[in-house]
């Protein structure tokens, strides 16, 4: 959990280079590519499955013909449904949502 919160903070501050291993020569030589891979991973792990890229889109990013989407959600610790309820401020809905489990099929979206 600590690493995820650190990752989120560094991403929001646009300081992902700070978490690239400083003692690994390969990581330092290719640090911009390492940050790009982190952003691709985050894009693929979006809590809102509709914001995740298709694998063909990921390939296009890796080929350099498409950019990673901006405005990524780096909050991996709070499920989307709970964040939406909290943002709406509806306590009655929040009580019901907290009690209901989020099944893997809901979290991963349609296949």
PDB file of N, CA and C in Angstrom:
ATOM      1  N   UNK A   1       0.832  -1.191   0.000  1.00  0.00           N
ATOM      2  CA  UNK A   1       0.000   0.000   0.000  1.00  0.00           C
ATOM      3  C   UNK A   1       0.875   1.254   0.000  1.00  0.00           C
ATOM      4  N   UNK A   2       1.991   1.197   0.730  1.00  0.00           N
ATOM      5  CA  UNK A   2       2.869   2.363   0.784  1.00  0.00           C
ATOM      6  C   UNK A   2       3.457   2.653  -0.602  1.00  0.00           C
ATOM      7  N   UNK A   3       3.874   1.619  -1.305  1.00  0.00           N
ATOM      8  CA  UNK A   3       4.450   1.799  -2.635  1.00  0.00           C
ATOM      9  C   UNK A   3       3.420   2.390  -3.600  1.00  0.00           C
ATOM     10  N   UNK A   4       2.164   1.932  -3.516  1.00  0.00           N
ATOM     11  CA  UNK A   4       1.127   2.476  -4.391  1.00  0.00           C
ATOM     12  C   UNK A   4       0.865   3.949  -4.103  1.00  0.00           C
ATOM     13  N   UNK A   5       0.850   4.322  -2.819  1.00  0.00           N
ATOM     14  CA  UNK A   5       0.624   5.736  -2.495  1.00  0.00           C
ATOM     15  C   UNK A   5       1.819   6.586  -2.928  1.00  0.00           C
ATOM     16  N   UNK A   6       3.031   6.055  -2.790  1.00  0.00           N
ATOM     17  CA  UNK A   6       4.224   6.763  -3.261  1.00  0.00           C
ATOM     18  C   UNK A   6       4.166   6.925  -4.779  1.00  0.00           C
ATOM     19  N   UNK A   7       3.814   5.855  -5.472  1.00  0.00           N
ATOM     20  CA  UNK A   7       3.698   5.889  -6.936  1.00  0.00           C
ATOM     21  C   UNK A   7       2.673   6.939  -7.357  1.00  0.00           C
ATOM     22  N   UNK A   8       1.523   6.955  -6.701  1.00  0.00           N
ATOM     23  CA  UNK A   8       0.468   7.925  -7.019  1.00  0.00           C
ATOM     24  C   UNK A   8       0.970   9.347  -6.806  1.00  0.00           C
ATOM     25  N   UNK A   9       1.625   9.593  -5.686  1.00  0.00           N
ATOM     26  CA  UNK A   9       2.118  10.945  -5.381  1.00  0.00           C
ATOM     27  C   UNK A   9       3.153  11.385  -6.414  1.00  0.00           C
ATOM     28  N   UNK A  10       4.101  10.507  -6.737  1.00  0.00           N
ATOM     29  CA  UNK A  10       5.131  10.846  -7.721  1.00  0.00           C
ATOM     30  C   UNK A  10       4.524  11.086  -9.105  1.00  0.00           C
ATOM     31  N   UNK A  11       3.525  10.313  -9.464  1.00  0.00           N
ATOM     32  CA  UNK A  11       2.872  10.493 -10.762  1.00  0.00           C
ATOM     33  C   UNK A  11       2.143  11.835 -10.815  1.00  0.00           C
ATOM     34  N   UNK A  12       1.430  12.169  -9.748  1.00  0.00           N
ATOM     35  CA  UNK A  12       0.710  13.439  -9.706  1.00  0.00           C
ATOM     36  C   UNK A  12       1.657  14.629  -9.729  1.00  0.00           C
ATOM     37  N   UNK A  13       2.852  14.463  -9.174  1.00  0.00           N
ATOM     38  CA  UNK A  13       3.870  15.521  -9.174  1.00  0.00           C
ATOM     39  C   UNK A  13       4.723  15.483 -10.444  1.00  0.00           C
ATOM     40  N   UNK A  14       4.421  14.540 -11.350  1.00  0.00           N
ATOM     41  CA  UNK A  14       5.189  14.326 -12.576  1.00  0.00           C
ATOM     42  C   UNK A  14       6.666  14.089 -12.261  1.00  0.00           C
ATOM     43  N   UNK A  15       6.905  13.252 -11.245  1.00  0.00           N
ATOM     44  CA  UNK A  15       8.254  12.933 -10.789  1.00  0.00           C
ATOM     45  C   UNK A  15       8.498  11.424 -10.785  1.00  0.00           C
ATOM     46  N   UNK A  16       7.951  10.697 -11.750  1.00  0.00           N
ATOM     47  CA  UNK A  16       8.133   9.244 -11.792  1.00  0.00           C
ATOM     48  C   UNK A  16       9.610   8.851 -11.932  1.00  0.00           C
ATOM     49  N   UNK A  17      10.419   9.718 -12.501  1.00  0.00           N
ATOM     50  CA  UNK A  17      11.854   9.416 -12.607  1.00  0.00           C
ATOM     51  C   UNK A  17      12.492   9.203 -11.238  1.00  0.00           C
ATOM     52  N   UNK A  18      11.914   9.799 -10.207  1.00  0.00           N
ATOM     53  CA  UNK A  18      12.463   9.653  -8.855  1.00  0.00           C
ATOM     54  C   UNK A  18      12.419   8.218  -8.347  1.00  0.00           C
ATOM     55  N   UNK A  19      11.506   7.409  -8.880  1.00  0.00           N
ATOM     56  CA  UNK A  19      11.389   6.040  -8.370  1.00  0.00           C
ATOM     57  C   UNK A  19      12.070   5.009  -9.268  1.00  0.00           C
ATOM     58  N   UNK A  20      12.771   5.482 -10.291  1.00  0.00           N
ATOM     59  CA  UNK A  20      13.555   4.576 -11.138  1.00  0.00           C
ATOM     60  C   UNK A  20      14.841   4.239 -10.382  1.00  0.00           C
ATOM     61  N   UNK A  21      15.195   2.965 -10.379  1.00  0.00           N
ATOM     62  CA  UNK A  21      16.360   2.471  -9.641  1.00  0.00           C
ATOM     63  C   UNK A  21      17.641   3.209 -10.052  1.00  0.00           C
ATOM     64  N   UNK A  22      18.211   3.949  -9.120  1.00  0.00           N
ATOM     65  CA  UNK A  22      19.411   4.744  -9.393  1.00  0.00           C
ATOM     66  C   UNK A  22      20.685   3.909  -9.437  1.00  0.00           C
ATOM     67  N   UNK A  23      20.614   2.668  -8.956  1.00  0.00           N
ATOM     68  CA  UNK A  23      21.799   1.813  -8.900  1.00  0.00           C
ATOM     69  C   UNK A  23      21.855   0.795 -10.038  1.00  0.00           C
ATOM     70  N   UNK A  24      20.887   0.839 -10.925  1.00  0.00           N
ATOM     71  CA  UNK A  24      20.848  -0.069 -12.058  1.00  0.00           C
ATOM     72  C   UNK A  24      21.185   0.727 -13.318  1.00  0.00           C
ATOM     73  N   UNK A  25      22.319   0.416 -13.920  1.00  0.00           N
ATOM     74  CA  UNK A  25      22.771   1.168 -15.091  1.00  0.00           C
ATOM     75  C   UNK A  25      21.774   1.112 -16.244  1.00  0.00           C
ATOM     76  N   UNK A  26      21.213  -0.074 -16.511  1.00  0.00           N
ATOM     77  CA  UNK A  26      20.238  -0.197 -17.596  1.00  0.00           C
ATOM     78  C   UNK A  26      19.009   0.669 -17.349  1.00  0.00           C
ATOM     79  N   UNK A  27      18.546   0.692 -16.111  1.00  0.00           N
ATOM     80  CA  UNK A  27      17.376   1.512 -15.771  1.00  0.00           C
ATOM     81  C   UNK A  27      17.694   2.994 -15.949  1.00  0.00           C
ATOM     82  N   UNK A  28      18.894   3.393 -15.625  1.00  0.00           N
ATOM     83  CA  UNK A  28      19.280   4.794 -15.773  1.00  0.00           C
ATOM     84  C   UNK A  28      19.469   5.178 -17.239  1.00  0.00           C
ATOM     85  N   UNK A  29      20.057   4.285 -18.011  1.00  0.00           N
ATOM     86  CA  UNK A  29      20.249   4.554 -19.443  1.00  0.00           C
ATOM     87  C   UNK A  29      18.907   4.706 -20.148  1.00  0.00           C
ATOM     88  N   UNK A  30      17.937   3.883 -19.757  1.00  0.00           N
ATOM     89  CA  UNK A  30      16.632   3.856 -20.420  1.00  0.00           C
ATOM     90  C   UNK A  30      15.522   4.413 -19.528  1.00  0.00           C
ATOM     91  N   UNK A  31      15.847   5.375 -18.674  1.00  0.00           N
ATOM     92  CA  UNK A  31      14.873   5.825 -17.679  1.00  0.00           C
ATOM     93  C   UNK A  31      13.609   6.436 -18.280  1.00  0.00           C
ATOM     94  N   UNK A  32      13.704   7.111 -19.403  1.00  0.00           N
ATOM     95  CA  UNK A  32      12.491   7.658 -20.032  1.00  0.00           C
ATOM     96  C   UNK A  32      11.585   6.530 -20.518  1.00  0.00           C
ATOM     97  N   UNK A  33      12.189   5.479 -21.050  1.00  0.00           N
ATOM     98  CA  UNK A  33      11.399   4.326 -21.481  1.00  0.00           C
ATOM     99  C   UNK A  33      10.781   3.610 -20.274  1.00  0.00           C
ATOM    100  N   UNK A  34      11.511   3.575 -19.156  1.00  0.00           N
ATOM    101  CA  UNK A  34      10.989   2.958 -17.933  1.00  0.00           C
ATOM    102  C   UNK A  34       9.753   3.710 -17.461  1.00  0.00           C
ATOM    103  N   UNK A  35       9.804   5.025 -17.467  1.00  0.00           N
ATOM    104  CA  UNK A  35       8.648   5.838 -17.065  1.00  0.00           C
ATOM    105  C   UNK A  35       7.489   5.600 -18.027  1.00  0.00           C
ATOM    106  N   UNK A  36       7.787   5.498 -19.309  1.00  0.00           N
ATOM    107  CA  UNK A  36       6.726   5.232 -20.294  1.00  0.00           C
ATOM    108  C   UNK A  36       6.076   3.867 -20.032  1.00  0.00           C
ATOM    109  N   UNK A  37       6.870   2.868 -19.669  1.00  0.00           N
ATOM    110  CA  UNK A  37       6.316   1.542 -19.349  1.00  0.00           C
ATOM    111  C   UNK A  37       5.433   1.621 -18.093  1.00  0.00           C
ATOM    112  N   UNK A  38       5.836   2.431 -17.116  1.00  0.00           N
ATOM    113  CA  UNK A  38       5.005   2.611 -15.919  1.00  0.00           C
ATOM    114  C   UNK A  38       3.666   3.229 -16.297  1.00  0.00           C
ATOM    115  N   UNK A  39       3.693   4.208 -17.174  1.00  0.00           N
ATOM    116  CA  UNK A  39       2.443   4.865 -17.595  1.00  0.00           C
ATOM    117  C   UNK A  39       1.557   3.898 -18.388  1.00  0.00           C
ATOM    118  N   UNK A  40       2.164   3.067 -19.231  1.00  0.00           N
ATOM    119  CA  UNK A  40       1.388   2.067 -19.969  1.00  0.00           C
ATOM    120  C   UNK A  40       0.743   1.084 -18.989  1.00  0.00           C
ATOM    121  N   UNK A  41       1.512   0.650 -17.992  1.00  0.00           N
ATOM    122  CA  UNK A  41       0.971  -0.280 -16.996  1.00  0.00           C
ATOM    123  C   UNK A  41      -0.204   0.342 -16.261  1.00  0.00           C
ATOM    124  N   UNK A  42      -0.066   1.599 -15.866  1.00  0.00           N
ATOM    125  CA  UNK A  42      -1.163   2.285 -15.168  1.00  0.00           C
ATOM    126  C   UNK A  42      -2.378   2.388 -16.077  1.00  0.00           C
ATOM    127  N   UNK A  43      -2.162   2.695 -17.335  1.00  0.00           N
ATOM    128  CA  UNK A  43      -3.273   2.807 -18.283  1.00  0.00           C
ATOM    129  C   UNK A  43      -4.017   1.476 -18.386  1.00  0.00           C
ATOM    130  N   UNK A  44      -3.274   0.385 -18.405  1.00  0.00           N
ATOM    131  CA  UNK A  44      -3.887  -0.945 -18.497  1.00  0.00           C
ATOM    132  C   UNK A  44      -4.593  -1.360 -17.204  1.00  0.00           C
ATOM    133  N   UNK A  45      -4.252  -0.723 -16.097  1.00  0.00           N
ATOM    134  CA  UNK A  45      -4.817  -1.081 -14.799  1.00  0.00           C
ATOM    135  C   UNK A  45      -5.877  -0.098 -14.305  1.00  0.00           C
ATOM    136  N   UNK A  46      -6.388   0.741 -15.177  1.00  0.00           N
ATOM    137  CA  UNK A  46      -7.401   1.705 -14.754  1.00  0.00           C
ATOM    138  C   UNK A  46      -8.569   0.994 -14.070  1.00  0.00           C
ATOM    139  N   UNK A  47      -8.997   1.546 -12.952  1.00  0.00           N
ATOM    140  CA  UNK A  47     -10.113   0.948 -12.213  1.00  0.00           C
ATOM    141  C   UNK A  47     -11.377   0.914 -13.059  1.00  0.00           C
ATOM    142  N   UNK A  48     -11.577   1.955 -13.846  1.00  0.00           N
ATOM    143  CA  UNK A  48     -12.720   2.004 -14.758  1.00  0.00           C
ATOM    144  C   UNK A  48     -12.312   1.266 -16.034  1.00  0.00           C
ATOM    145  N   UNK A  49     -12.806   0.048 -16.183  1.00  0.00           N
ATOM    146  CA  UNK A  49     -12.366  -0.794 -17.302  1.00  0.00           C
ATOM    147  C   UNK A  49     -12.591  -0.153 -18.661  1.00  0.00           C
ATOM    148  N   UNK A  50     -13.548   0.747 -18.770  1.00  0.00           N
ATOM    149  CA  UNK A  50     -13.817   1.371 -20.071  1.00  0.00           C
ATOM    150  C   UNK A  50     -12.699   2.332 -20.481  1.00  0.00           C
ATOM    151  N   UNK A  51     -11.839   2.709 -19.547  1.00  0.00           N
ATOM    152  CA  UNK A  51     -10.715   3.594 -19.850  1.00  0.00           C
ATOM    153  C   UNK A  51      -9.442   2.827 -20.178  1.00  0.00           C
ATOM    154  N   UNK A  52      -9.466   1.505 -20.074  1.00  0.00           N
ATOM    155  CA  UNK A  52      -8.287   0.691 -20.371  1.00  0.00           C
ATOM    156  C   UNK A  52      -8.104   0.549 -21.881  1.00  0.00           C
ATOM    157  N   UNK A  53      -6.861   0.527 -22.346  1.00  0.00           N
ATOM    158  CA  UNK A  53      -6.623   0.368 -23.781  1.00  0.00           C
ATOM    159  C   UNK A  53      -6.764  -1.089 -24.212  1.00  0.00           C
ATOM    160  N   UNK A  54      -7.073  -1.273 -25.473  1.00  0.00           N
ATOM    161  CA  UNK A  54      -7.056  -2.626 -26.034  1.00  0.00           C
ATOM    162  C   UNK A  54      -5.593  -3.019 -26.230  1.00  0.00           C
ATOM    163  N   UNK A  55      -5.346  -4.298 -26.400  1.00  0.00           N
ATOM    164  CA  UNK A  55      -3.966  -4.751 -26.613  1.00  0.00           C
ATOM    165  C   UNK A  55      -3.405  -4.193 -27.917  1.00  0.00           C
ATOM    166  N   UNK A  56      -4.245  -4.031 -28.933  1.00  0.00           N
ATOM    167  CA  UNK A  56      -3.753  -3.445 -30.184  1.00  0.00           C
ATOM    168  C   UNK A  56      -3.325  -1.994 -29.963  1.00  0.00           C
ATOM    169  N   UNK A  57      -4.016  -1.288 -29.069  1.00  0.00           N
ATOM    170  CA  UNK A  57      -3.626   0.083 -28.746  1.00  0.00           C
ATOM    171  C   UNK A  57      -2.292   0.091 -27.996  1.00  0.00           C
ATOM    172  N   UNK A  58      -2.110  -0.860 -27.086  1.00  0.00           N
ATOM    173  CA  UNK A  58      -0.844  -0.967 -26.352  1.00  0.00           C
ATOM    174  C   UNK A  58       0.302  -1.216 -27.330  1.00  0.00           C
ATOM    175  N   UNK A  59       0.086  -2.080 -28.306  1.00  0.00           N
ATOM    176  CA  UNK A  59       1.116  -2.355 -29.319  1.00  0.00           C
ATOM    177  C   UNK A  59       1.453  -1.073 -30.074  1.00  0.00           C
ATOM    178  N   UNK A  60       0.437  -0.282 -30.432  1.00  0.00           N
ATOM    179  CA  UNK A  60       0.682   0.981 -31.146  1.00  0.00           C
ATOM    180  C   UNK A  60       1.501   1.941 -30.285  1.00  0.00           C
ATOM    181  N   UNK A  61       1.229   1.951 -28.983  1.00  0.00           N
ATOM    182  CA  UNK A  61       2.018   2.803 -28.077  1.00  0.00           C
ATOM    183  C   UNK A  61       3.458   2.320 -28.055  1.00  0.00           C
ATOM    184  N   UNK A  62       3.652   1.011 -27.950  1.00  0.00           N
ATOM    185  CA  UNK A  62       5.008   0.461 -27.916  1.00  0.00           C
ATOM    186  C   UNK A  62       5.758   0.719 -29.221  1.00  0.00           C
ATOM    187  N   UNK A  63       5.028   0.763 -30.333  1.00  0.00           N
ATOM    188  CA  UNK A  63       5.636   1.062 -31.629  1.00  0.00           C
ATOM    189  C   UNK A  63       5.925   2.554 -31.807  1.00  0.00           C
ATOM    190  N   UNK A  64       5.296   3.376 -30.962  1.00  0.00           N
ATOM    191  CA  UNK A  64       5.529   4.816 -31.024  1.00  0.00           C
ATOM    192  C   UNK A  64       4.563   5.585 -31.890  1.00  0.00           C
ATOM    193  N   UNK A  65       3.521   4.937 -32.394  1.00  0.00           N
ATOM    194  CA  UNK A  65       2.575   5.635 -33.261  1.00  0.00           C
ATOM    195  C   UNK A  65       1.409   6.266 -32.487  1.00  0.00           C
ATOM    196  N   UNK A  66       1.257   5.927 -31.211  1.00  0.00           N
ATOM    197  CA  UNK A  66       0.179   6.470 -30.365  1.00  0.00           C
ATOM    198  C   UNK A  66       0.783   6.807 -29.008  1.00  0.00           C
ATOM    199  N   UNK A  67       0.256   7.849 -28.381  1.00  0.00           N
ATOM    200  CA  UNK A  67       0.705   8.266 -27.053  1.00  0.00           C
ATOM    201  C   UNK A  67      -0.184   7.647 -25.977  1.00  0.00           C
ATOM    202  N   UNK A  68       0.375   7.469 -24.791  1.00  0.00           N
ATOM    203  CA  UNK A  68      -0.410   7.006 -23.648  1.00  0.00           C
ATOM    204  C   UNK A  68      -1.423   8.086 -23.306  1.00  0.00           C
ATOM    205  N   UNK A  69      -2.625   7.664 -22.974  1.00  0.00           N
ATOM    206  CA  UNK A  69      -3.687   8.601 -22.615  1.00  0.00           C
ATOM    207  C   UNK A  69      -3.252   9.483 -21.445  1.00  0.00           C
ATOM    208  N   UNK A  70      -3.629  10.742 -21.502  1.00  0.00           N
ATOM    209  CA  UNK A  70      -3.382  11.647 -20.382  1.00  0.00           C
ATOM    210  C   UNK A  70      -4.499  11.471 -19.361  1.00  0.00           C
ATOM    211  N   UNK A  71      -4.349  12.109 -18.226  1.00  0.00           N
ATOM    212  CA  UNK A  71      -5.372  12.091 -17.187  1.00  0.00           C
ATOM    213  C   UNK A  71      -5.652  10.675 -16.676  1.00  0.00           C
ATOM    214  N   UNK A  72      -4.599   9.940 -16.390  1.00  0.00           N
ATOM    215  CA  UNK A  72      -4.740   8.581 -15.863  1.00  0.00           C
ATOM    216  C   UNK A  72      -5.126   8.626 -14.392  1.00  0.00           C
ATOM    217  N   UNK A  73      -5.813   7.596 -13.946  1.00  0.00           N
ATOM    218  CA  UNK A  73      -6.212   7.469 -12.548  1.00  0.00           C
ATOM    219  C   UNK A  73      -5.176   6.601 -11.842  1.00  0.00           C
ATOM    220  N   UNK A  74      -4.432   7.184 -10.921  1.00  0.00           N
ATOM    221  CA  UNK A  74      -3.377   6.475 -10.206  1.00  0.00           C
ATOM    222  C   UNK A  74      -3.850   5.951  -8.852  1.00  0.00           C
ATOM    223  N   UNK A  75      -5.142   6.001  -8.588  1.00  0.00           N
ATOM    224  CA  UNK A  75      -5.677   5.543  -7.303  1.00  0.00           C
ATOM    225  C   UNK A  75      -6.113   4.090  -7.436  1.00  0.00           C
ATOM    226  N   UNK A  76      -5.227   3.188  -7.026  1.00  0.00           N
ATOM    227  CA  UNK A  76      -5.511   1.753  -7.119  1.00  0.00           C
ATOM    228  C   UNK A  76      -6.096   1.193  -5.830  1.00  0.00           C
ATOM    229  N   UNK A  77      -6.174   2.007  -4.794  1.00  0.00           N
ATOM    230  CA  UNK A  77      -6.571   1.497  -3.485  1.00  0.00           C
ATOM    231  C   UNK A  77      -8.048   1.659  -3.190  1.00  0.00           C
ATOM    232  N   UNK A  78      -8.757   2.521  -3.927  1.00  0.00           N
ATOM    233  CA  UNK A  78     -10.179   2.738  -3.699  1.00  0.00           C
ATOM    234  C   UNK A  78     -10.945   2.332  -4.945  1.00  0.00           C
ATOM    235  N   UNK A  79     -11.865   1.361  -4.842  1.00  0.00           N
ATOM    236  CA  UNK A  79     -12.638   0.955  -6.017  1.00  0.00           C
ATOM    237  C   UNK A  79     -13.410   2.124  -6.629  1.00  0.00           C
ATOM    238  N   UNK A  80     -13.601   2.090  -7.931  1.00  0.00           N
ATOM    239  CA  UNK A  80     -14.275   3.154  -8.667  1.00  0.00           C
ATOM    240  C   UNK A  80     -15.649   3.452  -8.100  1.00  0.00           C
ATOM    241  N   UNK A  81     -16.435   2.431  -7.789  1.00  0.00           N
ATOM    242  CA  UNK A  81     -17.794   2.651  -7.292  1.00  0.00           C
ATOM    243  C   UNK A  81     -17.775   3.477  -6.016  1.00  0.00           C
ATOM    244  N   UNK A  82     -16.872   3.184  -5.125  1.00  0.00           N
ATOM    245  CA  UNK A  82     -16.810   3.931  -3.864  1.00  0.00           C
ATOM    246  C   UNK A  82     -16.338   5.360  -4.088  1.00  0.00           C
ATOM    247  N   UNK A  83     -15.405   5.550  -5.036  1.00  0.00           N
ATOM    248  CA  UNK A  83     -14.944   6.910  -5.334  1.00  0.00           C
ATOM    249  C   UNK A  83     -16.071   7.734  -5.930  1.00  0.00           C
ATOM    250  N   UNK A  84     -16.868   7.133  -6.811  1.00  0.00           N
ATOM    251  CA  UNK A  84     -17.978   7.852  -7.434  1.00  0.00           C
ATOM    252  C   UNK A  84     -19.011   8.252  -6.391  1.00  0.00           C
ATOM    253  N   UNK A  85     -19.292   7.353  -5.462  1.00  0.00           N
ATOM    254  CA  UNK A  85     -20.256   7.660  -4.405  1.00  0.00           C
ATOM    255  C   UNK A  85     -19.725   8.768  -3.511  1.00  0.00           C
ATOM    256  N   UNK A  86     -18.451   8.683  -3.162  1.00  0.00           N
ATOM    257  CA  UNK A  86     -17.846   9.702  -2.308  1.00  0.00           C
ATOM    258  C   UNK A  86     -17.875  11.054  -3.009  1.00  0.00           C
ATOM    259  N   UNK A  87     -17.593  11.064  -4.315  1.00  0.00           N
ATOM    260  CA  UNK A  87     -17.604  12.318  -5.069  1.00  0.00           C
ATOM    261  C   UNK A  87     -19.010  12.904  -5.141  1.00  0.00           C
ATOM    262  N   UNK A  88     -20.013  12.028  -5.266  1.00  0.00           N
ATOM    263  CA  UNK A  88     -21.399  12.491  -5.326  1.00  0.00           C
ATOM    264  C   UNK A  88     -21.900  12.927  -3.958  1.00  0.00           C
ATOM    265  N   UNK A  89     -21.281  12.401  -2.900  1.00  0.00           N
ATOM    266  CA  UNK A  89     -21.664  12.780  -1.546  1.00  0.00           C
ATOM    267  C   UNK A  89     -22.941  12.137  -1.062  1.00  0.00           C
ATOM    268  N   UNK A  90     -23.351  11.026  -1.643  1.00  0.00           N
ATOM    269  CA  UNK A  90     -24.601  10.379  -1.266  1.00  0.00           C
ATOM    270  C   UNK A  90     -24.331   9.290  -0.237  1.00  0.00           C
ATOM    271  N   UNK A  91     -24.554   9.590   1.029  1.00  0.00           N
ATOM    272  CA  UNK A  91     -24.263   8.664   2.105  1.00  0.00           C
ATOM    273  C   UNK A  91     -25.143   7.420   2.059  1.00  0.00           C
ATOM    274  N   UNK A  92     -26.401   7.572   1.678  1.00  0.00           N
ATOM    275  CA  UNK A  92     -27.311   6.422   1.633  1.00  0.00           C
ATOM    276  C   UNK A  92     -26.819   5.386   0.632  1.00  0.00           C
ATOM    277  N   UNK A  93     -26.381   5.840  -0.559  1.00  0.00           N
ATOM    278  CA  UNK A  93     -25.840   4.920  -1.554  1.00  0.00           C
ATOM    279  C   UNK A  93     -24.508   4.337  -1.091  1.00  0.00           C
ATOM    280  N   UNK A  94     -23.724   5.133  -0.371  1.00  0.00           N
ATOM    281  CA  UNK A  94     -22.420   4.670   0.092  1.00  0.00           C
ATOM    282  C   UNK A  94     -22.560   3.504   1.041  1.00  0.00           C
ATOM    283  N   UNK A  95     -23.568   3.528   1.894  1.00  0.00           N
ATOM    284  CA  UNK A  95     -23.776   2.437   2.843  1.00  0.00           C
ATOM    285  C   UNK A  95     -24.067   1.140   2.098  1.00  0.00           C
ATOM    286  N   UNK A  96     -24.920   1.192   1.095  1.00  0.00           N
ATOM    287  CA  UNK A  96     -25.233  -0.006   0.313  1.00  0.00           C
ATOM    288  C   UNK A  96     -24.056  -0.509  -0.488  1.00  0.00           C
ATOM    289  N   UNK A  97     -23.267   0.409  -1.042  1.00  0.00           N
ATOM    290  CA  UNK A  97     -22.134  -0.002  -1.875  1.00  0.00           C
ATOM    291  C   UNK A  97     -21.017  -0.618  -1.047  1.00  0.00           C
ATOM    292  N   UNK A  98     -20.810  -0.129   0.151  1.00  0.00           N
ATOM    293  CA  UNK A  98     -19.748  -0.668   0.995  1.00  0.00           C
ATOM    294  C   UNK A  98     -20.050  -2.098   1.391  1.00  0.00           C
ATOM    295  N   UNK A  99     -21.322  -2.407   1.582  1.00  0.00           N
ATOM    296  CA  UNK A  99     -21.705  -3.749   2.003  1.00  0.00           C
ATOM    297  C   UNK A  99     -21.716  -4.770   0.887  1.00  0.00           C
ATOM    298  N   UNK A 100     -21.756  -4.334  -0.355  1.00  0.00           N
ATOM    299  CA  UNK A 100     -21.826  -5.290  -1.460  1.00  0.00           C
ATOM    300  C   UNK A 100     -20.425  -5.530  -2.019  1.00  0.00           C
ATOM    301  N   UNK A 101     -20.062  -6.804  -2.225  1.00  0.00           N
ATOM    302  CA  UNK A 101     -18.723  -7.112  -2.726  1.00  0.00           C
ATOM    303  C   UNK A 101     -18.582  -6.748  -4.199  1.00  0.00           C
ATOM    304  N   UNK A 102     -17.364  -6.414  -4.593  1.00  0.00           N
ATOM    305  CA  UNK A 102     -17.076  -6.168  -5.997  1.00  0.00           C
ATOM    306  C   UNK A 102     -16.476  -7.440  -6.577  1.00  0.00           C
ATOM    307  N   UNK A 103     -17.223  -8.091  -7.450  1.00  0.00           N
ATOM    308  CA  UNK A 103     -16.788  -9.351  -8.031  1.00  0.00           C
ATOM    309  C   UNK A 103     -15.745  -9.102  -9.121  1.00  0.00           C
ATOM    310  N   UNK A 104     -14.854 -10.074  -9.359  1.00  0.00           N
ATOM    311  CA  UNK A 104     -13.830  -9.910 -10.397  1.00  0.00           C
ATOM    312  C   UNK A 104     -14.408  -9.559 -11.761  1.00  0.00           C
ATOM    313  N   UNK A 105     -15.577 -10.098 -12.091  1.00  0.00           N
ATOM    314  CA  UNK A 105     -16.169  -9.793 -13.395  1.00  0.00           C
ATOM    315  C   UNK A 105     -16.563  -8.330 -13.497  1.00  0.00           C
ATOM    316  N   UNK A 106     -16.927  -7.715 -12.384  1.00  0.00           N
ATOM    317  CA  UNK A 106     -17.255  -6.303 -12.380  1.00  0.00           C
ATOM    318  C   UNK A 106     -15.989  -5.470 -12.465  1.00  0.00           C
ATOM    319  N   UNK A 107     -14.963  -5.871 -11.719  1.00  0.00           N
ATOM    320  CA  UNK A 107     -13.723  -5.127 -11.699  1.00  0.00           C
ATOM    321  C   UNK A 107     -12.991  -5.166 -13.033  1.00  0.00           C
ATOM    322  N   UNK A 108     -13.022  -6.305 -13.720  1.00  0.00           N
ATOM    323  CA  UNK A 108     -12.255  -6.421 -14.952  1.00  0.00           C
ATOM    324  C   UNK A 108     -13.045  -5.996 -16.180  1.00  0.00           C
ATOM    325  N   UNK A 109     -14.354  -5.853 -16.047  1.00  0.00           N
ATOM    326  CA  UNK A 109     -15.157  -5.414 -17.179  1.00  0.00           C
ATOM    327  C   UNK A 109     -15.461  -6.549 -18.137  1.00  0.00           C
ATOM    328  N   UNK A 110     -16.173  -6.224 -19.224  1.00  0.00           N
ATOM    329  CA  UNK A 110     -16.544  -7.269 -20.187  1.00  0.00           C
ATOM    330  C   UNK A 110     -15.349  -7.835 -20.919  1.00  0.00           C
ATOM    331  N   UNK A 111     -15.477  -9.054 -21.332  1.00  0.00           N
ATOM    332  CA  UNK A 111     -14.398  -9.703 -22.061  1.00  0.00           C
ATOM    333  C   UNK A 111     -14.750  -9.816 -23.520  1.00  0.00           C
TER     334      UNK A 111
END
